[in-house]
Amino acid sequence: MIDDLKPIFEKVCLGFDARLIEFDGEDDHIHLLVNYPPKIALSSLVNSLKGVSSRMIKKKYHSQIKSKLWGGCLWSPSYFAASCGGAPIAIIRQYIEQQRT
């Protein structure tokens, strides 16, 4: 499923004039490094990323993931976002790459 998520996220980002820089995940969460324009509300971008990916993954893998959904939802209703404007991209990429896929 993680391999299916990356192109979904990339396509959603393009719709927001944003770019998915790095992506990886673990059993219970994912990490995205996204470069997006300041005119975009982060909550709108996250809602779209979660909504589109949820519909597409549930459509393809419904029988395999049915028992693991959050009350029928792929994602929890929350998210964590942090700005990394001053951090070197290489360091952030390294952190994301070290997540267990």
PDB file of N, CA and C in Angstrom:
ATOM      1  N   MET A   1       0.807  -1.194   0.000  1.00  0.00           N
ATOM      2  CA  MET A   1       0.000   0.000   0.000  1.00  0.00           C
ATOM      3  C   MET A   1       0.853   1.261   0.000  1.00  0.00           C
ATOM      4  N   ILE A   2       1.973   1.198   0.700  1.00  0.00           N
ATOM      5  CA  ILE A   2       2.818   2.396   0.772  1.00  0.00           C
ATOM      6  C   ILE A   2       3.306   2.801  -0.618  1.00  0.00           C
ATOM      7  N   ASP A   3       3.538   1.807  -1.475  1.00  0.00           N
ATOM      8  CA  ASP A   3       3.952   2.115  -2.844  1.00  0.00           C
ATOM      9  C   ASP A   3       2.825   2.779  -3.625  1.00  0.00           C
ATOM     10  N   ASP A   4       1.593   2.445  -3.310  1.00  0.00           N
ATOM     11  CA  ASP A   4       0.447   3.070  -3.980  1.00  0.00           C
ATOM     12  C   ASP A   4       0.205   4.494  -3.498  1.00  0.00           C
ATOM     13  N   LEU A   5       0.586   4.786  -2.275  1.00  0.00           N
ATOM     14  CA  LEU A   5       0.330   6.111  -1.718  1.00  0.00           C
ATOM     15  C   LEU A   5       1.169   7.209  -2.370  1.00  0.00           C
ATOM     16  N   LYS A   6       2.412   6.913  -2.695  1.00  0.00           N
ATOM     17  CA  LYS A   6       3.301   7.964  -3.209  1.00  0.00           C
ATOM     18  C   LYS A   6       2.744   8.647  -4.460  1.00  0.00           C
ATOM     19  N   PRO A   7       2.340   7.919  -5.508  1.00  0.00           N
ATOM     20  CA  PRO A   7       1.803   8.620  -6.679  1.00  0.00           C
ATOM     21  C   PRO A   7       0.493   9.349  -6.386  1.00  0.00           C
ATOM     22  N   ILE A   8      -0.293   8.840  -5.445  1.00  0.00           N
ATOM     23  CA  ILE A   8      -1.521   9.543  -5.060  1.00  0.00           C
ATOM     24  C   ILE A   8      -1.165  10.889  -4.440  1.00  0.00           C
ATOM     25  N   PHE A   9      -0.236  10.870  -3.494  1.00  0.00           N
ATOM     26  CA  PHE A   9       0.186  12.110  -2.841  1.00  0.00           C
ATOM     27  C   PHE A   9       0.826  13.085  -3.838  1.00  0.00           C
ATOM     28  N   GLU A  10       1.628  12.564  -4.749  1.00  0.00           N
ATOM     29  CA  GLU A  10       2.263  13.430  -5.753  1.00  0.00           C
ATOM     30  C   GLU A  10       1.205  14.128  -6.606  1.00  0.00           C
ATOM     31  N   LYS A  11       0.175  13.400  -7.008  1.00  0.00           N
ATOM     32  CA  LYS A  11      -0.875  13.985  -7.849  1.00  0.00           C
ATOM     33  C   LYS A  11      -1.672  15.046  -7.087  1.00  0.00           C
ATOM     34  N   VAL A  12      -1.996  14.760  -5.832  1.00  0.00           N
ATOM     35  CA  VAL A  12      -2.714  15.745  -5.020  1.00  0.00           C
ATOM     36  C   VAL A  12      -1.867  17.008  -4.861  1.00  0.00           C
ATOM     37  N   CYS A  13      -0.592  16.833  -4.589  1.00  0.00           N
ATOM     38  CA  CYS A  13       0.302  17.984  -4.427  1.00  0.00           C
ATOM     39  C   CYS A  13       0.328  18.841  -5.691  1.00  0.00           C
ATOM     40  N   LEU A  14       0.401  18.205  -6.835  1.00  0.00           N
ATOM     41  CA  LEU A  14       0.412  18.955  -8.094  1.00  0.00           C
ATOM     42  C   LEU A  14      -0.833  19.830  -8.233  1.00  0.00           C
ATOM     43  N   GLY A  15      -1.958  19.334  -7.782  1.00  0.00           N
ATOM     44  CA  GLY A  15      -3.198  20.102  -7.837  1.00  0.00           C
ATOM     45  C   GLY A  15      -3.161  21.350  -6.966  1.00  0.00           C
ATOM     46  N   PHE A  16      -2.261  21.395  -6.018  1.00  0.00           N
ATOM     47  CA  PHE A  16      -2.099  22.546  -5.125  1.00  0.00           C
ATOM     48  C   PHE A  16      -0.850  23.369  -5.474  1.00  0.00           C
ATOM     49  N   ASP A  17      -0.254  23.099  -6.621  1.00  0.00           N
ATOM     50  CA  ASP A  17       1.022  23.727  -6.992  1.00  0.00           C
ATOM     51  C   ASP A  17       2.088  23.447  -5.937  1.00  0.00           C
ATOM     52  N   ALA A  18       2.010  22.270  -5.346  1.00  0.00           N
ATOM     53  CA  ALA A  18       2.967  21.848  -4.329  1.00  0.00           C
ATOM     54  C   ALA A  18       3.790  20.694  -4.894  1.00  0.00           C
ATOM     55  N   ARG A  19       4.816  20.310  -4.150  1.00  0.00           N
ATOM     56  CA  ARG A  19       5.677  19.214  -4.604  1.00  0.00           C
ATOM     57  C   ARG A  19       6.004  18.307  -3.426  1.00  0.00           C
ATOM     58  N   LEU A  20       5.790  17.007  -3.631  1.00  0.00           N
ATOM     59  CA  LEU A  20       6.163  16.015  -2.629  1.00  0.00           C
ATOM     60  C   LEU A  20       7.669  15.803  -2.744  1.00  0.00           C
ATOM     61  N   ILE A  21       8.401  16.182  -1.714  1.00  0.00           N
ATOM     62  CA  ILE A  21       9.861  16.089  -1.723  1.00  0.00           C
ATOM     63  C   ILE A  21      10.317  14.711  -1.240  1.00  0.00           C
ATOM     64  N   GLU A  22       9.711  14.236  -0.154  1.00  0.00           N
ATOM     65  CA  GLU A  22      10.098  12.960   0.432  1.00  0.00           C
ATOM     66  C   GLU A  22       8.872  12.328   1.070  1.00  0.00           C
ATOM     67  N   PHE A  23       8.852  11.002   1.095  1.00  0.00           N
ATOM     68  CA  PHE A  23       7.714  10.269   1.643  1.00  0.00           C
ATOM     69  C   PHE A  23       8.190   8.918   2.144  1.00  0.00           C
ATOM     70  N   ASP A  24       7.722   8.530   3.322  1.00  0.00           N
ATOM     71  CA  ASP A  24       7.964   7.192   3.855  1.00  0.00           C
ATOM     72  C   ASP A  24       7.000   6.983   5.005  1.00  0.00           C
ATOM     73  N   GLY A  25       6.980   5.801   5.554  1.00  0.00           N
ATOM     74  CA  GLY A  25       6.033   5.549   6.625  1.00  0.00           C
ATOM     75  C   GLY A  25       6.376   4.337   7.447  1.00  0.00           C
ATOM     76  N   GLU A  26       5.597   4.156   8.472  1.00  0.00           N
ATOM     77  CA  GLU A  26       5.694   3.015   9.366  1.00  0.00           C
ATOM     78  C   GLU A  26       4.334   2.344   9.411  1.00  0.00           C
ATOM     79  N   ASP A  27       4.180   1.364  10.293  1.00  0.00           N
ATOM     80  CA  ASP A  27       2.919   0.623  10.368  1.00  0.00           C
ATOM     81  C   ASP A  27       1.728   1.518  10.670  1.00  0.00           C
ATOM     82  N   ASP A  28       1.927   2.535  11.492  1.00  0.00           N
ATOM     83  CA  ASP A  28       0.786   3.311  11.957  1.00  0.00           C
ATOM     84  C   ASP A  28       0.811   4.796  11.604  1.00  0.00           C
ATOM     85  N   HIS A  29       1.788   5.236  10.819  1.00  0.00           N
ATOM     86  CA  HIS A  29       1.800   6.636  10.390  1.00  0.00           C
ATOM     87  C   HIS A  29       2.750   6.826   9.209  1.00  0.00           C
ATOM     88  N   ILE A  30       2.641   7.971   8.585  1.00  0.00           N
ATOM     89  CA  ILE A  30       3.512   8.302   7.459  1.00  0.00           C
ATOM     90  C   ILE A  30       4.144   9.660   7.691  1.00  0.00           C
ATOM     91  N   HIS A  31       5.206   9.916   6.942  1.00  0.00           N
ATOM     92  CA  HIS A  31       5.883  11.203   6.960  1.00  0.00           C
ATOM     93  C   HIS A  31       5.902  11.746   5.538  1.00  0.00           C
ATOM     94  N   LEU A  32       5.528  12.994   5.390  1.00  0.00           N
ATOM     95  CA  LEU A  32       5.577  13.664   4.100  1.00  0.00           C
ATOM     96  C   LEU A  32       6.398  14.938   4.259  1.00  0.00           C
ATOM     97  N   LEU A  33       7.261  15.193   3.319  1.00  0.00           N
ATOM     98  CA  LEU A  33       7.950  16.471   3.233  1.00  0.00           C
ATOM     99  C   LEU A  33       7.420  17.119   1.968  1.00  0.00           C
ATOM    100  N   VAL A  34       6.673  18.205   2.139  1.00  0.00           N
ATOM    101  CA  VAL A  34       5.980  18.844   1.025  1.00  0.00           C
ATOM    102  C   VAL A  34       6.397  20.302   0.941  1.00  0.00           C
ATOM    103  N   ASN A  35       6.729  20.732  -0.248  1.00  0.00           N
ATOM    104  CA  ASN A  35       7.002  22.147  -0.507  1.00  0.00           C
ATOM    105  C   ASN A  35       5.729  22.708  -1.130  1.00  0.00           C
ATOM    106  N   TYR A  36       5.075  23.624  -0.421  1.00  0.00           N
ATOM    107  CA  TYR A  36       3.820  24.172  -0.921  1.00  0.00           C
ATOM    108  C   TYR A  36       3.854  25.699  -0.831  1.00  0.00           C
ATOM    109  N   PRO A  37       3.131  26.360  -1.731  1.00  0.00           N
ATOM    110  CA  PRO A  37       3.152  27.827  -1.733  1.00  0.00           C
ATOM    111  C   PRO A  37       2.423  28.396  -0.512  1.00  0.00           C
ATOM    112  N   PRO A  38       2.854  29.552  -0.031  1.00  0.00           N
ATOM    113  CA  PRO A  38       2.252  30.135   1.171  1.00  0.00           C
ATOM    114  C   PRO A  38       0.787  30.517   0.997  1.00  0.00           C
ATOM    115  N   LYS A  39       0.314  30.630  -0.229  1.00  0.00           N
ATOM    116  CA  LYS A  39      -1.093  30.988  -0.455  1.00  0.00           C
ATOM    117  C   LYS A  39      -2.035  29.815  -0.142  1.00  0.00           C
ATOM    118  N   ILE A  40      -1.499  28.614   0.011  1.00  0.00           N
ATOM    119  CA  ILE A  40      -2.292  27.415   0.271  1.00  0.00           C
ATOM    120  C   ILE A  40      -2.461  27.220   1.775  1.00  0.00           C
ATOM    121  N   ALA A  41      -3.697  26.998   2.204  1.00  0.00           N
ATOM    122  CA  ALA A  41      -3.947  26.665   3.612  1.00  0.00           C
ATOM    123  C   ALA A  41      -3.505  25.224   3.843  1.00  0.00           C
ATOM    124  N   LEU A  42      -2.640  25.030   4.814  1.00  0.00           N
ATOM    125  CA  LEU A  42      -2.123  23.695   5.101  1.00  0.00           C
ATOM    126  C   LEU A  42      -3.261  22.716   5.383  1.00  0.00           C
ATOM    127  N   SER A  43      -4.271  23.156   6.096  1.00  0.00           N
ATOM    128  CA  SER A  43      -5.390  22.263   6.412  1.00  0.00           C
ATOM    129  C   SER A  43      -6.094  21.781   5.139  1.00  0.00           C
ATOM    130  N   SER A  44      -6.204  22.613   4.138  1.00  0.00           N
ATOM    131  CA  SER A  44      -6.829  22.204   2.865  1.00  0.00           C
ATOM    132  C   SER A  44      -5.982  21.157   2.156  1.00  0.00           C
ATOM    133  N   LEU A  45      -4.682  21.364   2.150  1.00  0.00           N
ATOM    134  CA  LEU A  45      -3.776  20.406   1.523  1.00  0.00           C
ATOM    135  C   LEU A  45      -3.841  19.056   2.244  1.00  0.00           C
ATOM    136  N   VAL A  46      -3.775  19.072   3.567  1.00  0.00           N
ATOM    137  CA  VAL A  46      -3.816  17.831   4.341  1.00  0.00           C
ATOM    138  C   VAL A  46      -5.161  17.131   4.147  1.00  0.00           C
ATOM    139  N   ASN A  47      -6.258  17.882   4.189  1.00  0.00           N
ATOM    140  CA  ASN A  47      -7.578  17.274   3.971  1.00  0.00           C
ATOM    141  C   ASN A  47      -7.641  16.571   2.625  1.00  0.00           C
ATOM    142  N   SER A  48      -7.100  17.194   1.614  1.00  0.00           N
ATOM    143  CA  SER A  48      -7.116  16.597   0.289  1.00  0.00           C
ATOM    144  C   SER A  48      -6.211  15.371   0.220  1.00  0.00           C
ATOM    145  N   LEU A  49      -5.019  15.464   0.784  1.00  0.00           N
ATOM    146  CA  LEU A  49      -4.104  14.317   0.809  1.00  0.00           C
ATOM    147  C   LEU A  49      -4.746  13.124   1.493  1.00  0.00           C
ATOM    148  N   LYS A  50      -5.361  13.369   2.643  1.00  0.00           N
ATOM    149  CA  LYS A  50      -5.982  12.285   3.398  1.00  0.00           C
ATOM    150  C   LYS A  50      -7.248  11.771   2.717  1.00  0.00           C
ATOM    151  N   GLY A  51      -8.073  12.673   2.215  1.00  0.00           N
ATOM    152  CA  GLY A  51      -9.335  12.273   1.600  1.00  0.00           C
ATOM    153  C   GLY A  51      -9.153  11.471   0.323  1.00  0.00           C
ATOM    154  N   VAL A  52      -8.332  11.982  -0.580  1.00  0.00           N
ATOM    155  CA  VAL A  52      -8.105  11.297  -1.855  1.00  0.00           C
ATOM    156  C   VAL A  52      -7.424   9.949  -1.622  1.00  0.00           C
ATOM    157  N   SER A  53      -6.379   9.941  -0.801  1.00  0.00           N
ATOM    158  CA  SER A  53      -5.668   8.679  -0.559  1.00  0.00           C
ATOM    159  C   SER A  53      -6.567   7.662   0.133  1.00  0.00           C
ATOM    160  N   SER A  54      -7.401   8.114   1.055  1.00  0.00           N
ATOM    161  CA  SER A  54      -8.305   7.203   1.752  1.00  0.00           C
ATOM    162  C   SER A  54      -9.274   6.540   0.772  1.00  0.00           C
ATOM    163  N   ARG A  55      -9.888   7.326  -0.085  1.00  0.00           N
ATOM    164  CA  ARG A  55     -10.828   6.765  -1.059  1.00  0.00           C
ATOM    165  C   ARG A  55     -10.152   5.758  -1.977  1.00  0.00           C
ATOM    166  N   MET A  56      -8.978   6.098  -2.464  1.00  0.00           N
ATOM    167  CA  MET A  56      -8.300   5.228  -3.428  1.00  0.00           C
ATOM    168  C   MET A  56      -7.766   3.944  -2.783  1.00  0.00           C
ATOM    169  N   ILE A  57      -7.187   4.060  -1.600  1.00  0.00           N
ATOM    170  CA  ILE A  57      -6.639   2.878  -0.917  1.00  0.00           C
ATOM    171  C   ILE A  57      -7.779   1.964  -0.449  1.00  0.00           C
ATOM    172  N   LYS A  58      -8.844   2.546   0.104  1.00  0.00           N
ATOM    173  CA  LYS A  58      -9.967   1.717   0.546  1.00  0.00           C
ATOM    174  C   LYS A  58     -10.627   1.008  -0.638  1.00  0.00           C
ATOM    175  N   LYS A  59     -10.682   1.670  -1.772  1.00  0.00           N
ATOM    176  CA  LYS A  59     -11.269   1.048  -2.961  1.00  0.00           C
ATOM    177  C   LYS A  59     -10.447  -0.165  -3.407  1.00  0.00           C
ATOM    178  N   LYS A  60      -9.137  -0.041  -3.362  1.00  0.00           N
ATOM    179  CA  LYS A  60      -8.265  -1.114  -3.839  1.00  0.00           C
ATOM    180  C   LYS A  60      -8.049  -2.225  -2.804  1.00  0.00           C
ATOM    181  N   TYR A  61      -7.960  -1.866  -1.534  1.00  0.00           N
ATOM    182  CA  TYR A  61      -7.567  -2.826  -0.492  1.00  0.00           C
ATOM    183  C   TYR A  61      -8.639  -3.053   0.577  1.00  0.00           C
ATOM    184  N   HIS A  62      -9.875  -2.745   0.283  1.00  0.00           N
ATOM    185  CA  HIS A  62     -10.911  -2.764   1.317  1.00  0.00           C
ATOM    186  C   HIS A  62     -10.934  -4.064   2.131  1.00  0.00           C
ATOM    187  N   SER A  63     -10.911  -5.200   1.470  1.00  0.00           N
ATOM    188  CA  SER A  63     -11.008  -6.467   2.214  1.00  0.00           C
ATOM    189  C   SER A  63      -9.785  -6.712   3.102  1.00  0.00           C
ATOM    190  N   GLN A  64      -8.609  -6.254   2.678  1.00  0.00           N
ATOM    191  CA  GLN A  64      -7.398  -6.470   3.474  1.00  0.00           C
ATOM    192  C   GLN A  64      -7.292  -5.528   4.675  1.00  0.00           C
ATOM    193  N   ILE A  65      -7.871  -4.345   4.584  1.00  0.00           N
ATOM    194  CA  ILE A  65      -7.679  -3.350   5.641  1.00  0.00           C
ATOM    195  C   ILE A  65      -8.925  -3.105   6.484  1.00  0.00           C
ATOM    196  N   LYS A  66     -10.017  -3.732   6.136  1.00  0.00           N
ATOM    197  CA  LYS A  66     -11.293  -3.476   6.822  1.00  0.00           C
ATOM    198  C   LYS A  66     -11.173  -3.543   8.339  1.00  0.00           C
ATOM    199  N   SER A  67     -10.469  -4.530   8.866  1.00  0.00           N
ATOM    200  CA  SER A  67     -10.354  -4.698  10.320  1.00  0.00           C
ATOM    201  C   SER A  67      -9.396  -3.710  10.972  1.00  0.00           C
ATOM    202  N   LYS A  68      -8.615  -2.989  10.180  1.00  0.00           N
ATOM    203  CA  LYS A  68      -7.621  -2.069  10.742  1.00  0.00           C
ATOM    204  C   LYS A  68      -8.021  -0.603  10.633  1.00  0.00           C
ATOM    205  N   LEU A  69      -9.196  -0.322  10.082  1.00  0.00           N
ATOM    206  CA  LEU A  69      -9.635   1.059   9.886  1.00  0.00           C
ATOM    207  C   LEU A  69     -10.046   1.704  11.207  1.00  0.00           C
ATOM    208  N   TRP A  70      -9.909   3.025  11.277  1.00  0.00           N
ATOM    209  CA  TRP A  70     -10.297   3.820  12.441  1.00  0.00           C
ATOM    210  C   TRP A  70     -11.801   4.087  12.337  1.00  0.00           C
ATOM    211  N   GLY A  71     -12.623   3.157  12.798  1.00  0.00           N
ATOM    212  CA  GLY A  71     -14.066   3.357  12.703  1.00  0.00           C
ATOM    213  C   GLY A  71     -14.516   3.556  11.264  1.00  0.00           C
ATOM    214  N   GLY A  72     -13.935   2.814  10.353  1.00  0.00           N
ATOM    215  CA  GLY A  72     -14.278   2.926   8.940  1.00  0.00           C
ATOM    216  C   GLY A  72     -13.398   3.893   8.159  1.00  0.00           C
ATOM    217  N   CYS A  73     -12.513   4.598   8.841  1.00  0.00           N
ATOM    218  CA  CYS A  73     -11.645   5.587   8.194  1.00  0.00           C
ATOM    219  C   CYS A  73     -10.214   5.071   8.095  1.00  0.00           C
ATOM    220  N   LEU A  74      -9.555   5.407   7.002  1.00  0.00           N
ATOM    221  CA  LEU A  74      -8.155   5.004   6.831  1.00  0.00           C
ATOM    222  C   LEU A  74      -7.240   5.809   7.750  1.00  0.00           C
ATOM    223  N   TRP A  75      -7.492   7.104   7.863  1.00  0.00           N
ATOM    224  CA  TRP A  75      -6.631   7.995   8.646  1.00  0.00           C
ATOM    225  C   TRP A  75      -7.350   8.453   9.904  1.00  0.00           C
ATOM    226  N   SER A  76      -6.578   8.747  10.926  1.00  0.00           N
ATOM    227  CA  SER A  76      -7.161   9.368  12.118  1.00  0.00           C
ATOM    228  C   SER A  76      -7.561  10.797  11.731  1.00  0.00           C
ATOM    229  N   PRO A  77      -8.416  11.434  12.502  1.00  0.00           N
ATOM    230  CA  PRO A  77      -8.842  12.788  12.141  1.00  0.00           C
ATOM    231  C   PRO A  77      -7.776  13.853  12.409  1.00  0.00           C
ATOM    232  N   SER A  78      -6.676  13.483  13.030  1.00  0.00           N
ATOM    233  CA  SER A  78      -5.648  14.471  13.364  1.00  0.00           C
ATOM    234  C   SER A  78      -4.432  14.351  12.456  1.00  0.00           C
ATOM    235  N   TYR A  79      -3.560  15.350  12.538  1.00  0.00           N
ATOM    236  CA  TYR A  79      -2.278  15.311  11.839  1.00  0.00           C
ATOM    237  C   TYR A  79      -1.305  16.231  12.568  1.00  0.00           C
ATOM    238  N   PHE A  80      -0.039  16.019  12.322  1.00  0.00           N
ATOM    239  CA  PHE A  80       0.998  16.874  12.883  1.00  0.00           C
ATOM    240  C   PHE A  80       1.726  17.524  11.719  1.00  0.00           C
ATOM    241  N   ALA A  81       1.928  18.814  11.794  1.00  0.00           N
ATOM    242  CA  ALA A  81       2.674  19.533  10.770  1.00  0.00           C
ATOM    243  C   ALA A  81       3.700  20.424  11.458  1.00  0.00           C
ATOM    244  N   ALA A  82       4.868  20.499  10.877  1.00  0.00           N
ATOM    245  CA  ALA A  82       5.917  21.360  11.402  1.00  0.00           C
ATOM    246  C   ALA A  82       6.601  22.055  10.235  1.00  0.00           C
ATOM    247  N   SER A  83       6.973  23.281  10.464  1.00  0.00           N
ATOM    248  CA  SER A  83       7.719  24.033   9.467  1.00  0.00           C
ATOM    249  C   SER A  83       9.189  23.661   9.570  1.00  0.00           C
ATOM    250  N   CYS A  84       9.838  23.578   8.448  1.00  0.00           N
ATOM    251  CA  CYS A  84      11.264  23.255   8.471  1.00  0.00           C
ATOM    252  C   CYS A  84      12.036  24.259   7.624  1.00  0.00           C
ATOM    253  N   GLY A  85      11.559  25.491   7.599  1.00  0.00           N
ATOM    254  CA  GLY A  85      12.154  26.525   6.772  1.00  0.00           C
ATOM    255  C   GLY A  85      13.637  26.748   7.006  1.00  0.00           C
ATOM    256  N   GLY A  86      14.112  26.584   8.240  1.00  0.00           N
ATOM    257  CA  GLY A  86      15.521  26.840   8.512  1.00  0.00           C
ATOM    258  C   GLY A  86      16.387  25.599   8.482  1.00  0.00           C
ATOM    259  N   ALA A  87      15.779  24.424   8.462  1.00  0.00           N
ATOM    260  CA  ALA A  87      16.559  23.182   8.505  1.00  0.00           C
ATOM    261  C   ALA A  87      17.015  22.787   7.105  1.00  0.00           C
ATOM    262  N   PRO A  88      18.206  22.233   7.002  1.00  0.00           N
ATOM    263  CA  PRO A  88      18.666  21.759   5.695  1.00  0.00           C
ATOM    264  C   PRO A  88      17.786  20.600   5.214  1.00  0.00           C
ATOM    265  N   ILE A  89      17.363  20.667   3.973  1.00  0.00           N
ATOM    266  CA  ILE A  89      16.504  19.632   3.397  1.00  0.00           C
ATOM    267  C   ILE A  89      17.166  18.255   3.512  1.00  0.00           C
ATOM    268  N   ALA A  90      18.476  18.184   3.368  1.00  0.00           N
ATOM    269  CA  ALA A  90      19.175  16.896   3.443  1.00  0.00           C
ATOM    270  C   ALA A  90      18.942  16.215   4.788  1.00  0.00           C
ATOM    271  N   ILE A  91      18.923  16.974   5.867  1.00  0.00           N
ATOM    272  CA  ILE A  91      18.704  16.416   7.204  1.00  0.00           C
ATOM    273  C   ILE A  91      17.271  15.898   7.335  1.00  0.00           C
ATOM    274  N   ILE A  92      16.312  16.644   6.828  1.00  0.00           N
ATOM    275  CA  ILE A  92      14.909  16.222   6.903  1.00  0.00           C
ATOM    276  C   ILE A  92      14.686  14.984   6.044  1.00  0.00           C
ATOM    277  N   ARG A  93      15.262  14.978   4.859  1.00  0.00           N
ATOM    278  CA  ARG A  93      15.168  13.800   3.991  1.00  0.00           C
ATOM    279  C   ARG A  93      15.746  12.567   4.682  1.00  0.00           C
ATOM    280  N   GLN A  94      16.886  12.742   5.313  1.00  0.00           N
ATOM    281  CA  GLN A  94      17.535  11.630   6.008  1.00  0.00           C
ATOM    282  C   GLN A  94      16.620  11.081   7.100  1.00  0.00           C
ATOM    283  N   TYR A  95      15.972  11.949   7.851  1.00  0.00           N
ATOM    284  CA  TYR A  95      15.056  11.508   8.907  1.00  0.00           C
ATOM    285  C   TYR A  95      13.912  10.687   8.311  1.00  0.00           C
ATOM    286  N   ILE A  96      13.310  11.193   7.247  1.00  0.00           N
ATOM    287  CA  ILE A  96      12.180  10.493   6.621  1.00  0.00           C
ATOM    288  C   ILE A  96      12.627   9.175   6.020  1.00  0.00           C
ATOM    289  N   GLU A  97      13.774   9.160   5.361  1.00  0.00           N
ATOM    290  CA  GLU A  97      14.282   7.920   4.744  1.00  0.00           C
ATOM    291  C   GLU A  97      14.557   6.848   5.783  1.00  0.00           C
ATOM    292  N   GLN A  98      14.868   7.252   7.022  1.00  0.00           N
ATOM    293  CA  GLN A  98      15.189   6.280   8.067  1.00  0.00           C
ATOM    294  C   GLN A  98      13.940   5.657   8.696  1.00  0.00           C
ATOM    295  N   GLN A  99      12.761   6.133   8.305  1.00  0.00           N
ATOM    296  CA  GLN A  99      11.539   5.515   8.814  1.00  0.00           C
ATOM    297  C   GLN A  99      11.400   4.141   8.203  1.00  0.00           C
ATOM    298  N   ARG A 100      10.821   3.252   8.940  1.00  0.00           N
ATOM    299  CA  ARG A 100      10.673   1.874   8.479  1.00  0.00           C
ATOM    300  C   ARG A 100       9.535   1.805   7.471  1.00  0.00           C
ATOM    301  N   THR A 101       9.846   1.391   6.249  1.00  0.00           N
ATOM    302  CA  THR A 101       8.829   1.253   5.211  1.00  0.00           C
ATOM    303  C   THR A 101       8.163  -0.089   5.351  1.00  0.00           C
TER     304      THR A 101
END
